[in-house]
Amino acid sequence: MVQDMGSQGGAGGGAPVVSHGGDLDAARSLFPAAPEPWIDLSTGINPVPYPCPPLAASLLQRLPAPGDLAALLGAAAAAYGADPAGIVAAPGTQILIETLPRLRPRSRVAVVSPTYAEHAAAWARGGHAVTAVPDLEGVGGAEVVVVVNPNNPDGRAWPAADLLALAERLRARGGLLVVDEAFADLEPVRSLCSDAGPGLVVLRSFGKTYGLAGIRLGFAVAEAALGRRIAAALGPWAVSGPALAIGRAALADLPWREAAALARRADAGRLDRMIARGGGRVVGGTALFRTADFPDGPALFRRLGGAGIYVRRFAEAPQRLRFGLPPDKAAWCRLSRILR
């Protein structure tokens, strides 16, 4: 069975291989007779992307200028309520997940799980001792704690006060709390970006919210000294010129993000009703994905795949499937027919 984002590897003795959503080559291999085009519901990416502004040809012809990066960081700091001195841009959040373990001595790391499996995998690859824990109370004596808030795949969210108290305890002993807010933009959760500092680093995804995962853009918000270390580890020109320009425009467009939040929450409600009509029970999610249990999840996965609809499944919970949002009326209708 395909391993899902929600699957975790073991501690310390080697990182697991993690599969990801969006792999339509894998879908075609599993279901070679499925009709094209595929409807890819295996990711948690906004299916209605931000309308990219026209790009000057020079953005493709020259290296990004320091002023281009500064403009993006200013827009990101304003959008996230962060201190501009501590925000770092990267070619996607994934590279930040890979980089942080390389900047710390070997540590005991607790990852609140099940969650996005690359966190545990990256810390294990960095030689750290990784333990999956079910909640904040289970972190014990860990020196580094990783929390995805809201969580993928179940949508759990933790009160800011609890996270800040944990960050303070970790800071007092030289530790670090990593809060991945990849799905926070469209959710009614309190971001910790304005609280980032010693003992707390926050990760923000751009591509999920704005439906532009392919341009590869993400941010770390940290104390200034750690921010400089992260930027140095990424090296010069880490973010492409087109990504700098598109990111700056999108992050500055607050009305678009507010409208997207309302529209995607409405879509998520529609998907909940459709899942219920299909015999499923929604067990969590965010405005960009819904996770549900079905009486026969594997059979439904096969029916969906045979119809050219790819969703996520879970090795450790065969009854469970995760659905992204359909992009248009035709896709909604196609999904409804199979769930009926």
C-alpha atoms as a PDB file:
ATOM      1  CA  MET A   1       0.000   0.000   0.000  1.00  0.00           C
ATOM      2  CA  VAL A   2       1.203   3.473  -0.786  1.00  0.00           C
ATOM      3  CA  GLN A   3       2.578   5.188   2.316  1.00  0.00           C
ATOM      4  CA  ASP A   4       0.770   8.412   3.062  1.00  0.00           C
ATOM      5  CA  MET A   5       1.955  11.748   4.424  1.00  0.00           C
ATOM      6  CA  GLY A   6       0.375  10.665   7.669  1.00  0.00           C
ATOM      7  CA  SER A   7       2.708   7.687   7.993  1.00  0.00           C
ATOM      8  CA  GLN A   8       5.715   7.952  10.275  1.00  0.00           C
ATOM      9  CA  GLY A   9       8.951   6.091  10.308  1.00  0.00           C
ATOM     10  CA  GLY A  10      10.682   4.840  13.415  1.00  0.00           C
ATOM     11  CA  ALA A  11      13.193   6.517  15.656  1.00  0.00           C
ATOM     12  CA  GLY A  12      16.833   7.246  15.009  1.00  0.00           C
ATOM     13  CA  GLY A  13      17.752   4.070  13.123  1.00  0.00           C
ATOM     14  CA  GLY A  14      17.138   5.464   9.669  1.00  0.00           C
ATOM     15  CA  ALA A  15      14.585   7.618   7.943  1.00  0.00           C
ATOM     16  CA  PRO A  16      11.649   6.084   6.083  1.00  0.00           C
ATOM     17  CA  VAL A  17      11.002   6.599   2.424  1.00  0.00           C
ATOM     18  CA  VAL A  18       8.078   9.001   2.167  1.00  0.00           C
ATOM     19  CA  SER A  19       5.678   9.098  -0.762  1.00  0.00           C
ATOM     20  CA  HIS A  20       3.749  12.252  -1.573  1.00  0.00           C
ATOM     21  CA  GLY A  21       0.542  13.392  -3.150  1.00  0.00           C
ATOM     22  CA  GLY A  22       0.426  14.643  -6.696  1.00  0.00           C
ATOM     23  CA  ASP A  23       2.242  11.624  -8.169  1.00  0.00           C
ATOM     24  CA  LEU A  24       0.016  10.874 -11.122  1.00  0.00           C
ATOM     25  CA  ASP A  25       2.651   8.568 -12.592  1.00  0.00           C
ATOM     26  CA  ALA A  26       2.015   6.297  -9.588  1.00  0.00           C
ATOM     27  CA  ALA A  27      -1.729   6.632 -10.125  1.00  0.00           C
ATOM     28  CA  ARG A  28      -1.433   5.636 -13.779  1.00  0.00           C
ATOM     29  CA  SER A  29       0.702   2.653 -12.785  1.00  0.00           C
ATOM     30  CA  LEU A  30      -1.938   1.494 -10.308  1.00  0.00           C
ATOM     31  CA  PHE A  31      -4.854   2.142 -12.687  1.00  0.00           C
ATOM     32  CA  PRO A  32      -3.589   1.954 -16.289  1.00  0.00           C
ATOM     33  CA  ALA A  33      -7.102   1.759 -17.744  1.00  0.00           C
ATOM     34  CA  ALA A  34      -8.423   4.833 -15.916  1.00  0.00           C
ATOM     35  CA  PRO A  35      -9.814   7.642 -18.070  1.00  0.00           C
ATOM     36  CA  GLU A  36      -7.798  10.791 -18.700  1.00  0.00           C
ATOM     37  CA  PRO A  37      -7.453  13.483 -17.599  1.00  0.00           C
ATOM     38  CA  TRP A  38      -6.997  12.461 -13.997  1.00  0.00           C
ATOM     39  CA  ILE A  39      -8.621  14.409 -11.187  1.00  0.00           C
ATOM     40  CA  ASP A  40      -5.860  14.697  -8.626  1.00  0.00           C
ATOM     41  CA  LEU A  41      -7.360  14.969  -5.138  1.00  0.00           C
ATOM     42  CA  SER A  42      -4.260  13.519  -3.466  1.00  0.00           C
ATOM     43  CA  THR A  43      -2.819  16.879  -2.391  1.00  0.00           C
ATOM     44  CA  GLY A  44      -3.893  19.665  -0.046  1.00  0.00           C
ATOM     45  CA  ILE A  45      -3.287  22.447  -2.557  1.00  0.00           C
ATOM     46  CA  ASN A  46      -5.784  25.189  -3.347  1.00  0.00           C
ATOM     47  CA  PRO A  47      -7.408  24.049  -6.632  1.00  0.00           C
ATOM     48  CA  VAL A  48      -8.167  27.676  -7.595  1.00  0.00           C
ATOM     49  CA  PRO A  49      -4.758  29.310  -7.997  1.00  0.00           C
ATOM     50  CA  TYR A  50      -3.798  32.913  -7.561  1.00  0.00           C
ATOM     51  CA  PRO A  51      -3.839  34.694 -10.960  1.00  0.00           C
ATOM     52  CA  CYS A  52      -0.166  35.231 -11.656  1.00  0.00           C
ATOM     53  CA  PRO A  53       0.778  38.726 -12.779  1.00  0.00           C
ATOM     54  CA  PRO A  54       2.577  39.201 -16.115  1.00  0.00           C
ATOM     55  CA  LEU A  55       6.298  38.567 -15.691  1.00  0.00           C
ATOM     56  CA  ALA A  56       9.050  40.617 -17.288  1.00  0.00           C
ATOM     57  CA  ALA A  57      11.319  38.531 -19.498  1.00  0.00           C
ATOM     58  CA  SER A  58      14.291  39.840 -17.531  1.00  0.00           C
ATOM     59  CA  LEU A  59      13.193  37.766 -14.516  1.00  0.00           C
ATOM     60  CA  LEU A  60      14.169  34.684 -16.498  1.00  0.00           C
ATOM     61  CA  GLN A  61      17.344  36.193 -17.910  1.00  0.00           C
ATOM     62  CA  ARG A  62      19.142  37.549 -14.848  1.00  0.00           C
ATOM     63  CA  LEU A  63      19.967  36.468 -11.341  1.00  0.00           C
ATOM     64  CA  PRO A  64      17.550  37.755  -8.706  1.00  0.00           C
ATOM     65  CA  ALA A  65      18.617  41.109  -7.293  1.00  0.00           C
ATOM     66  CA  PRO A  66      18.867  41.765  -3.542  1.00  0.00           C
ATOM     67  CA  GLY A  67      16.084  44.309  -3.894  1.00  0.00           C
ATOM     68  CA  ASP A  68      13.775  41.646  -5.356  1.00  0.00           C
ATOM     69  CA  LEU A  69      14.352  39.428  -2.329  1.00  0.00           C
ATOM     70  CA  ALA A  70      13.900  42.334   0.081  1.00  0.00           C
ATOM     71  CA  ALA A  71      10.567  43.225  -1.521  1.00  0.00           C
ATOM     72  CA  LEU A  72       9.325  39.651  -1.152  1.00  0.00           C
ATOM     73  CA  LEU A  73      10.434  39.448   2.481  1.00  0.00           C
ATOM     74  CA  GLY A  74       8.677  42.721   3.223  1.00  0.00           C
ATOM     75  CA  ALA A  75       5.444  41.424   1.714  1.00  0.00           C
ATOM     76  CA  ALA A  76       5.772  38.128   3.613  1.00  0.00           C
ATOM     77  CA  ALA A  77       6.487  39.869   6.914  1.00  0.00           C
ATOM     78  CA  ALA A  78       3.375  42.019   6.477  1.00  0.00           C
ATOM     79  CA  ALA A  79       1.203  39.061   5.444  1.00  0.00           C
ATOM     80  CA  TYR A  80       2.332  36.875   8.338  1.00  0.00           C
ATOM     81  CA  GLY A  81       2.732  39.534  11.008  1.00  0.00           C
ATOM     82  CA  ALA A  82       6.412  38.659  11.351  1.00  0.00           C
ATOM     83  CA  ASP A  83       9.562  40.592  12.179  1.00  0.00           C
ATOM     84  CA  PRO A  84      11.280  41.288   8.827  1.00  0.00           C
ATOM     85  CA  ALA A  85      14.674  40.669  10.467  1.00  0.00           C
ATOM     86  CA  GLY A  86      13.848  37.021  11.130  1.00  0.00           C
ATOM     87  CA  ILE A  87      12.049  35.898   7.978  1.00  0.00           C
ATOM     88  CA  VAL A  88      13.816  33.707   5.419  1.00  0.00           C
ATOM     89  CA  ALA A  89      12.576  32.763   1.947  1.00  0.00           C
ATOM     90  CA  ALA A  90      13.313  29.321   0.540  1.00  0.00           C
ATOM     91  CA  PRO A  91      12.481  27.309  -2.586  1.00  0.00           C
ATOM     92  CA  GLY A  92       9.651  25.546  -0.796  1.00  0.00           C
ATOM     93  CA  THR A  93       9.057  24.631   2.834  1.00  0.00           C
ATOM     94  CA  GLN A  94      10.481  21.159   2.250  1.00  0.00           C
ATOM     95  CA  ILE A  95      14.039  22.477   1.972  1.00  0.00           C
ATOM     96  CA  LEU A  96      13.549  24.267   5.313  1.00  0.00           C
ATOM     97  CA  ILE A  97      12.399  20.993   6.874  1.00  0.00           C
ATOM     98  CA  GLU A  98      15.628  19.449   5.554  1.00  0.00           C
ATOM     99  CA  THR A  99      17.828  22.353   6.667  1.00  0.00           C
ATOM    100  CA  LEU A 100      16.829  22.806  10.310  1.00  0.00           C
ATOM    101  CA  PRO A 101      18.156  19.401  11.475  1.00  0.00           C
ATOM    102  CA  ARG A 102      21.569  20.263  10.016  1.00  0.00           C
ATOM    103  CA  LEU A 103      21.833  23.390  12.140  1.00  0.00           C
ATOM    104  CA  ARG A 104      21.524  21.669  15.508  1.00  0.00           C
ATOM    105  CA  PRO A 105      23.726  19.191  17.380  1.00  0.00           C
ATOM    106  CA  ARG A 106      22.303  15.704  17.661  1.00  0.00           C
ATOM    107  CA  SER A 107      19.189  15.947  19.780  1.00  0.00           C
ATOM    108  CA  ARG A 108      16.186  14.063  21.067  1.00  0.00           C
ATOM    109  CA  VAL A 109      13.334  15.083  18.782  1.00  0.00           C
ATOM    110  CA  ALA A 110       9.623  14.568  19.451  1.00  0.00           C
ATOM    111  CA  VAL A 111       7.241  14.857  16.489  1.00  0.00           C
ATOM    112  CA  VAL A 112       3.552  15.178  17.394  1.00  0.00           C
ATOM    113  CA  SER A 113       2.038  12.451  15.226  1.00  0.00           C
ATOM    114  CA  PRO A 114       0.593  11.196  12.975  1.00  0.00           C
ATOM    115  CA  THR A 115       1.544  14.094  10.740  1.00  0.00           C
ATOM    116  CA  TYR A 116       3.495  15.089   7.632  1.00  0.00           C
ATOM    117  CA  ALA A 117       6.099  12.329   7.586  1.00  0.00           C
ATOM    118  CA  GLU A 118       8.950  14.402   6.151  1.00  0.00           C
ATOM    119  CA  HIS A 119       9.517  16.066   9.525  1.00  0.00           C
ATOM    120  CA  ALA A 120      10.473  12.841  11.283  1.00  0.00           C
ATOM    121  CA  ALA A 121      12.351  11.623   8.206  1.00  0.00           C
ATOM    122  CA  ALA A 122      14.458  14.797   7.932  1.00  0.00           C
ATOM    123  CA  TRP A 123      15.460  14.796  11.613  1.00  0.00           C
ATOM    124  CA  ALA A 124      16.315  11.096  11.396  1.00  0.00           C
ATOM    125  CA  ARG A 125      18.436  11.695   8.297  1.00  0.00           C
ATOM    126  CA  GLY A 126      20.256  14.362  10.307  1.00  0.00           C
ATOM    127  CA  GLY A 127      21.286  11.780  12.887  1.00  0.00           C
ATOM    128  CA  HIS A 128      18.829  12.833  15.589  1.00  0.00           C
ATOM    129  CA  ALA A 129      16.859  10.432  17.812  1.00  0.00           C
ATOM    130  CA  VAL A 130      13.255  10.836  16.698  1.00  0.00           C
ATOM    131  CA  THR A 131      10.170   9.761  18.629  1.00  0.00           C
ATOM    132  CA  ALA A 132       6.547  10.044  17.525  1.00  0.00           C
ATOM    133  CA  VAL A 133       4.303  11.331  20.337  1.00  0.00           C
ATOM    134  CA  PRO A 134       0.507  11.712  20.343  1.00  0.00           C
ATOM    135  CA  ASP A 135       0.258  15.167  21.900  1.00  0.00           C
ATOM    136  CA  LEU A 136       2.136  18.020  23.560  1.00  0.00           C
ATOM    137  CA  GLU A 137       2.023  16.268  26.925  1.00  0.00           C
ATOM    138  CA  GLY A 138       4.035  13.376  25.524  1.00  0.00           C
ATOM    139  CA  VAL A 139       7.170  15.303  24.514  1.00  0.00           C
ATOM    140  CA  GLY A 140       9.006  14.426  27.736  1.00  0.00           C
ATOM    141  CA  GLY A 141      12.636  15.481  27.784  1.00  0.00           C
ATOM    142  CA  ALA A 142      12.938  16.138  24.057  1.00  0.00           C
ATOM    143  CA  GLU A 143      15.203  19.021  23.083  1.00  0.00           C
ATOM    144  CA  VAL A 144      13.351  19.647  19.810  1.00  0.00           C
ATOM    145  CA  VAL A 145       9.594  19.343  19.319  1.00  0.00           C
ATOM    146  CA  VAL A 146       7.839  19.507  15.939  1.00  0.00           C
ATOM    147  CA  VAL A 147       4.135  20.371  15.682  1.00  0.00           C
ATOM    148  CA  VAL A 148       2.100  20.851  12.496  1.00  0.00           C
ATOM    149  CA  ASN A 149      -0.671  23.341  13.290  1.00  0.00           C
ATOM    150  CA  PRO A 150      -3.281  22.772  11.957  1.00  0.00           C
ATOM    151  CA  ASN A 151      -2.215  19.191  11.481  1.00  0.00           C
ATOM    152  CA  ASN A 152      -2.119  17.078   8.356  1.00  0.00           C
ATOM    153  CA  PRO A 153      -4.018  14.755   7.941  1.00  0.00           C
ATOM    154  CA  ASP A 154      -6.482  15.201  10.805  1.00  0.00           C
ATOM    155  CA  GLY A 155      -6.734  19.001  11.053  1.00  0.00           C
ATOM    156  CA  ARG A 156      -5.998  19.069  14.800  1.00  0.00           C
ATOM    157  CA  ALA A 157      -5.070  22.501  16.126  1.00  0.00           C
ATOM    158  CA  TRP A 158      -3.379  23.477  19.378  1.00  0.00           C
ATOM    159  CA  PRO A 159      -4.046  26.650  21.388  1.00  0.00           C
ATOM    160  CA  ALA A 160      -1.376  29.287  20.903  1.00  0.00           C
ATOM    161  CA  ALA A 161      -0.942  29.586  24.665  1.00  0.00           C
ATOM    162  CA  ASP A 162      -0.021  25.901  24.959  1.00  0.00           C
ATOM    163  CA  LEU A 163       2.475  26.126  22.121  1.00  0.00           C
ATOM    164  CA  LEU A 164       4.065  29.292  23.491  1.00  0.00           C
ATOM    165  CA  ALA A 165       4.386  27.735  26.951  1.00  0.00           C
ATOM    166  CA  LEU A 166       6.105  24.725  25.409  1.00  0.00           C
ATOM    167  CA  ALA A 167       8.422  26.981  23.391  1.00  0.00           C
ATOM    168  CA  GLU A 168       9.406  28.798  26.578  1.00  0.00           C
ATOM    169  CA  ARG A 169      10.209  25.537  28.385  1.00  0.00           C
ATOM    170  CA  LEU A 170      12.321  24.392  25.465  1.00  0.00           C
ATOM    171  CA  ARG A 171      14.089  27.748  25.180  1.00  0.00           C
ATOM    172  CA  ALA A 172      15.043  27.615  28.853  1.00  0.00           C
ATOM    173  CA  ARG A 173      17.041  24.445  28.212  1.00  0.00           C
ATOM    174  CA  GLY A 174      18.436  25.445  24.830  1.00  0.00           C
ATOM    175  CA  GLY A 175      15.797  23.580  22.853  1.00  0.00           C
ATOM    176  CA  LEU A 176      13.583  24.461  19.911  1.00  0.00           C
ATOM    177  CA  LEU A 177       9.915  24.251  18.991  1.00  0.00           C
ATOM    178  CA  VAL A 178       9.243  23.974  15.258  1.00  0.00           C
ATOM    179  CA  VAL A 179       5.666  24.874  14.316  1.00  0.00           C
ATOM    180  CA  ASP A 180       4.725  24.072  10.726  1.00  0.00           C
ATOM    181  CA  GLU A 181       1.821  26.343   9.754  1.00  0.00           C
ATOM    182  CA  ALA A 182       1.554  25.040   6.198  1.00  0.00           C
ATOM    183  CA  PHE A 183      -2.267  25.056   6.318  1.00  0.00           C
ATOM    184  CA  ALA A 184      -2.795  28.052   8.614  1.00  0.00           C
ATOM    185  CA  ASP A 185      -3.495  30.734   6.001  1.00  0.00           C
ATOM    186  CA  LEU A 186      -7.112  29.748   5.374  1.00  0.00           C
ATOM    187  CA  GLU A 187      -7.912  28.571   8.902  1.00  0.00           C
ATOM    188  CA  PRO A 188      -9.238  30.388  12.001  1.00  0.00           C
ATOM    189  CA  VAL A 189      -6.102  29.585  13.994  1.00  0.00           C
ATOM    190  CA  ARG A 190      -3.774  32.029  15.683  1.00  0.00           C
ATOM    191  CA  SER A 191      -0.400  32.103  13.915  1.00  0.00           C
ATOM    192  CA  LEU A 192       2.766  32.189  15.998  1.00  0.00           C
ATOM    193  CA  CYS A 193       4.739  34.155  13.407  1.00  0.00           C
ATOM    194  CA  SER A 194       4.647  37.299  15.526  1.00  0.00           C
ATOM    195  CA  ASP A 195       6.023  35.292  18.490  1.00  0.00           C
ATOM    196  CA  ALA A 196       8.960  33.682  16.682  1.00  0.00           C
ATOM    197  CA  GLY A 197      12.210  34.144  18.554  1.00  0.00           C
ATOM    198  CA  PRO A 198      14.615  32.145  20.717  1.00  0.00           C
ATOM    199  CA  GLY A 199      13.197  28.652  21.088  1.00  0.00           C
ATOM    200  CA  LEU A 200      10.548  29.012  18.377  1.00  0.00           C
ATOM    201  CA  VAL A 201      10.682  28.807  14.580  1.00  0.00           C
ATOM    202  CA  VAL A 202       7.585  28.879  12.382  1.00  0.00           C
ATOM    203  CA  LEU A 203       7.356  27.478   8.848  1.00  0.00           C
ATOM    204  CA  ARG A 204       4.899  28.859   6.290  1.00  0.00           C
ATOM    205  CA  SER A 205       3.945  27.340   2.952  1.00  0.00           C
ATOM    206  CA  PHE A 206       3.114  29.564  -0.020  1.00  0.00           C
ATOM    207  CA  GLY A 207       2.147  27.040  -2.692  1.00  0.00           C
ATOM    208  CA  LYS A 208      -0.721  25.375  -0.809  1.00  0.00           C
ATOM    209  CA  THR A 209      -2.631  28.560  -0.066  1.00  0.00           C
ATOM    210  CA  TYR A 210      -2.100  30.177  -3.438  1.00  0.00           C
ATOM    211  CA  GLY A 211      -2.410  27.014  -5.533  1.00  0.00           C
ATOM    212  CA  LEU A 212       1.078  27.555  -6.980  1.00  0.00           C
ATOM    213  CA  ALA A 213       3.103  24.691  -5.548  1.00  0.00           C
ATOM    214  CA  GLY A 214       5.178  24.447  -8.703  1.00  0.00           C
ATOM    215  CA  ILE A 215       6.960  27.769  -8.210  1.00  0.00           C
ATOM    216  CA  ARG A 216       8.502  26.386  -4.959  1.00  0.00           C
ATOM    217  CA  LEU A 217       8.326  29.047  -2.279  1.00  0.00           C
ATOM    218  CA  GLY A 218       8.183  28.868   1.507  1.00  0.00           C
ATOM    219  CA  PHE A 219       9.296  30.793   4.563  1.00  0.00           C
ATOM    220  CA  ALA A 220      10.885  30.302   7.965  1.00  0.00           C
ATOM    221  CA  VAL A 221      10.199  32.853  10.701  1.00  0.00           C
ATOM    222  CA  ALA A 222      12.781  32.766  13.482  1.00  0.00           C
ATOM    223  CA  GLU A 223      14.982  34.898  15.671  1.00  0.00           C
ATOM    224  CA  ALA A 224      17.331  36.993  13.538  1.00  0.00           C
ATOM    225  CA  ALA A 225      20.457  34.967  14.371  1.00  0.00           C
ATOM    226  CA  LEU A 226      18.853  31.650  13.421  1.00  0.00           C
ATOM    227  CA  GLY A 227      17.334  33.276  10.351  1.00  0.00           C
ATOM    228  CA  ARG A 228      20.805  34.284   9.183  1.00  0.00           C
ATOM    229  CA  ARG A 229      22.079  30.716   9.703  1.00  0.00           C
ATOM    230  CA  ILE A 230      19.192  29.301   7.697  1.00  0.00           C
ATOM    231  CA  ALA A 231      19.752  31.799   4.881  1.00  0.00           C
ATOM    232  CA  ALA A 232      23.480  31.009   4.836  1.00  0.00           C
ATOM    233  CA  ALA A 233      22.731  27.287   4.621  1.00  0.00           C
ATOM    234  CA  LEU A 234      20.423  27.858   1.650  1.00  0.00           C
ATOM    235  CA  GLY A 235      23.056  29.916  -0.166  1.00  0.00           C
ATOM    236  CA  PRO A 236      22.673  32.833  -2.578  1.00  0.00           C
ATOM    237  CA  TRP A 237      19.795  33.100  -5.058  1.00  0.00           C
ATOM    238  CA  ALA A 238      17.838  30.366  -3.292  1.00  0.00           C
ATOM    239  CA  VAL A 239      14.518  31.632  -4.684  1.00  0.00           C
ATOM    240  CA  SER A 240      14.046  32.190  -8.413  1.00  0.00           C
ATOM    241  CA  GLY A 241      13.234  35.586  -9.899  1.00  0.00           C
ATOM    242  CA  PRO A 242       9.751  34.558 -11.062  1.00  0.00           C
ATOM    243  CA  ALA A 243       8.951  33.125  -7.622  1.00  0.00           C
ATOM    244  CA  LEU A 244      10.072  36.360  -5.963  1.00  0.00           C
ATOM    245  CA  ALA A 245       7.790  38.433  -8.182  1.00  0.00           C
ATOM    246  CA  ILE A 246       4.751  36.145  -7.978  1.00  0.00           C
ATOM    247  CA  GLY A 247       5.146  35.681  -4.238  1.00  0.00           C
ATOM    248  CA  ARG A 248       5.380  39.405  -3.601  1.00  0.00           C
ATOM    249  CA  ALA A 249       2.225  40.124  -5.583  1.00  0.00           C
ATOM    250  CA  ALA A 250       0.202  37.325  -4.026  1.00  0.00           C
ATOM    251  CA  LEU A 251       1.235  37.956  -0.436  1.00  0.00           C
ATOM    252  CA  ALA A 252       0.346  41.628  -0.766  1.00  0.00           C
ATOM    253  CA  ASP A 253      -3.146  40.752  -2.050  1.00  0.00           C
ATOM    254  CA  LEU A 254      -4.965  40.302   1.260  1.00  0.00           C
ATOM    255  CA  PRO A 255      -8.483  40.560  -0.258  1.00  0.00           C
ATOM    256  CA  TRP A 256      -7.715  37.584  -2.505  1.00  0.00           C
ATOM    257  CA  ARG A 257      -6.611  35.477   0.464  1.00  0.00           C
ATOM    258  CA  GLU A 258      -9.685  36.422   2.491  1.00  0.00           C
ATOM    259  CA  ALA A 259     -11.980  35.537  -0.416  1.00  0.00           C
ATOM    260  CA  ALA A 260     -10.116  32.261  -0.964  1.00  0.00           C
ATOM    261  CA  ALA A 261     -10.563  31.321   2.694  1.00  0.00           C
ATOM    262  CA  LEU A 262     -14.341  31.829   2.481  1.00  0.00           C
ATOM    263  CA  ALA A 263     -14.635  29.967  -0.817  1.00  0.00           C
ATOM    264  CA  ARG A 264     -12.500  26.992   0.201  1.00  0.00           C
ATOM    265  CA  ARG A 265     -14.310  26.611   3.527  1.00  0.00           C
ATOM    266  CA  ALA A 266     -17.576  26.483   1.604  1.00  0.00           C
ATOM    267  CA  ASP A 267     -16.060  23.879  -0.725  1.00  0.00           C
ATOM    268  CA  ALA A 268     -14.908  21.846   2.282  1.00  0.00           C
ATOM    269  CA  GLY A 269     -18.467  21.872   3.641  1.00  0.00           C
ATOM    270  CA  ARG A 270     -19.783  20.702   0.282  1.00  0.00           C
ATOM    271  CA  LEU A 271     -17.227  17.890   0.254  1.00  0.00           C
ATOM    272  CA  ASP A 272     -18.241  16.867   3.787  1.00  0.00           C
ATOM    273  CA  ARG A 273     -21.848  16.489   2.662  1.00  0.00           C
ATOM    274  CA  MET A 274     -20.804  14.502  -0.394  1.00  0.00           C
ATOM    275  CA  ILE A 275     -18.654  12.180   1.726  1.00  0.00           C
ATOM    276  CA  ALA A 276     -21.536  11.632   4.150  1.00  0.00           C
ATOM    277  CA  ARG A 277     -23.880  10.722   1.282  1.00  0.00           C
ATOM    278  CA  GLY A 278     -21.267   8.203   0.171  1.00  0.00           C
ATOM    279  CA  GLY A 279     -21.299   6.458   3.545  1.00  0.00           C
ATOM    280  CA  GLY A 280     -18.159   8.111   4.922  1.00  0.00           C
ATOM    281  CA  ARG A 281     -17.509   9.751   8.271  1.00  0.00           C
ATOM    282  CA  VAL A 282     -15.336  12.852   8.214  1.00  0.00           C
ATOM    283  CA  VAL A 283     -12.682  12.565  10.931  1.00  0.00           C
ATOM    284  CA  GLY A 284     -10.828  15.826  10.292  1.00  0.00           C
ATOM    285  CA  GLY A 285      -9.267  18.157   7.798  1.00  0.00           C
ATOM    286  CA  THR A 286      -8.778  21.787   6.867  1.00  0.00           C
ATOM    287  CA  ALA A 287     -10.272  24.110   4.262  1.00  0.00           C
ATOM    288  CA  LEU A 288      -8.026  22.430   1.661  1.00  0.00           C
ATOM    289  CA  PHE A 289      -8.585  18.735   2.429  1.00  0.00           C
ATOM    290  CA  ARG A 290     -10.968  16.396   4.245  1.00  0.00           C
ATOM    291  CA  THR A 291     -10.086  13.059   5.853  1.00  0.00           C
ATOM    292  CA  ALA A 292     -12.795  10.419   6.233  1.00  0.00           C
ATOM    293  CA  ASP A 293     -13.348   6.805   7.236  1.00  0.00           C
ATOM    294  CA  PHE A 294     -15.408   4.464   5.051  1.00  0.00           C
ATOM    295  CA  PRO A 295     -16.796   0.983   5.713  1.00  0.00           C
ATOM    296  CA  ASP A 296     -14.563  -0.336   2.911  1.00  0.00           C
ATOM    297  CA  GLY A 297     -11.860   2.239   2.200  1.00  0.00           C
ATOM    298  CA  PRO A 298      -9.715   0.007  -0.051  1.00  0.00           C
ATOM    299  CA  ALA A 299     -12.662  -0.803  -2.315  1.00  0.00           C
ATOM    300  CA  LEU A 300     -13.585   2.866  -2.611  1.00  0.00           C
ATOM    301  CA  PHE A 301      -9.970   3.769  -3.351  1.00  0.00           C
ATOM    302  CA  ARG A 302     -10.046   1.253  -6.217  1.00  0.00           C
ATOM    303  CA  ARG A 303     -13.374   2.565  -7.547  1.00  0.00           C
ATOM    304  CA  LEU A 304     -12.125   6.126  -7.473  1.00  0.00           C
ATOM    305  CA  GLY A 305      -8.842   5.165  -9.122  1.00  0.00           C
ATOM    306  CA  GLY A 306     -10.613   3.197 -11.818  1.00  0.00           C
ATOM    307  CA  ALA A 307     -12.615   6.353 -12.568  1.00  0.00           C
ATOM    308  CA  GLY A 308      -9.471   8.493 -12.800  1.00  0.00           C
ATOM    309  CA  ILE A 309      -9.764  10.128  -9.376  1.00  0.00           C
ATOM    310  CA  TYR A 310      -6.676   9.902  -7.166  1.00  0.00           C
ATOM    311  CA  VAL A 311      -6.982  10.315  -3.391  1.00  0.00           C
ATOM    312  CA  ARG A 312      -4.671   9.557  -0.482  1.00  0.00           C
ATOM    313  CA  ARG A 313      -4.818   6.334   1.489  1.00  0.00           C
ATOM    314  CA  PHE A 314      -3.184   5.304   4.750  1.00  0.00           C
ATOM    315  CA  ALA A 315      -1.140   2.164   5.301  1.00  0.00           C
ATOM    316  CA  GLU A 316      -1.893   2.137   9.029  1.00  0.00           C
ATOM    317  CA  ALA A 317      -5.631   2.906   8.602  1.00  0.00           C
ATOM    318  CA  PRO A 318      -7.009   1.151   5.496  1.00  0.00           C
ATOM    319  CA  GLN A 319     -10.518   2.511   6.072  1.00  0.00           C
ATOM    320  CA  ARG A 320      -9.252   6.094   5.845  1.00  0.00           C
ATOM    321  CA  LEU A 321      -9.024   8.280   2.739  1.00  0.00           C
ATOM    322  CA  ARG A 322      -8.065  11.921   2.321  1.00  0.00           C
ATOM    323  CA  PHE A 323      -9.677  14.095  -0.338  1.00  0.00           C
ATOM    324  CA  GLY A 324      -8.411  17.369  -1.732  1.00  0.00           C
ATOM    325  CA  LEU A 325     -10.933  19.793  -3.217  1.00  0.00           C
ATOM    326  CA  PRO A 326     -12.137  19.306  -6.811  1.00  0.00           C
ATOM    327  CA  PRO A 327     -11.121  22.203  -9.080  1.00  0.00           C
ATOM    328  CA  ASP A 328     -14.284  22.716 -11.139  1.00  0.00           C
ATOM    329  CA  LYS A 329     -17.889  21.684 -11.743  1.00  0.00           C
ATOM    330  CA  ALA A 330     -16.987  18.733 -13.951  1.00  0.00           C
ATOM    331  CA  ALA A 331     -14.649  17.333 -11.298  1.00  0.00           C
ATOM    332  CA  TRP A 332     -17.246  17.787  -8.549  1.00  0.00           C
ATOM    333  CA  CYS A 333     -19.816  15.922 -10.652  1.00  0.00           C
ATOM    334  CA  ARG A 334     -17.408  13.100 -11.457  1.00  0.00           C
ATOM    335  CA  LEU A 335     -16.562  12.633  -7.786  1.00  0.00           C
ATOM    336  CA  SER A 336     -20.228  12.748  -6.781  1.00  0.00           C
ATOM    337  CA  ARG A 337     -21.102   9.974  -9.226  1.00  0.00           C
ATOM    338  CA  ILE A 338     -18.511   7.619  -7.722  1.00  0.00           C
ATOM    339  CA  LEU A 339     -19.376   8.422  -4.101  1.00  0.00           C
ATOM    340  CA  ARG A 340     -23.079   7.796  -4.793  1.00  0.00           C
END
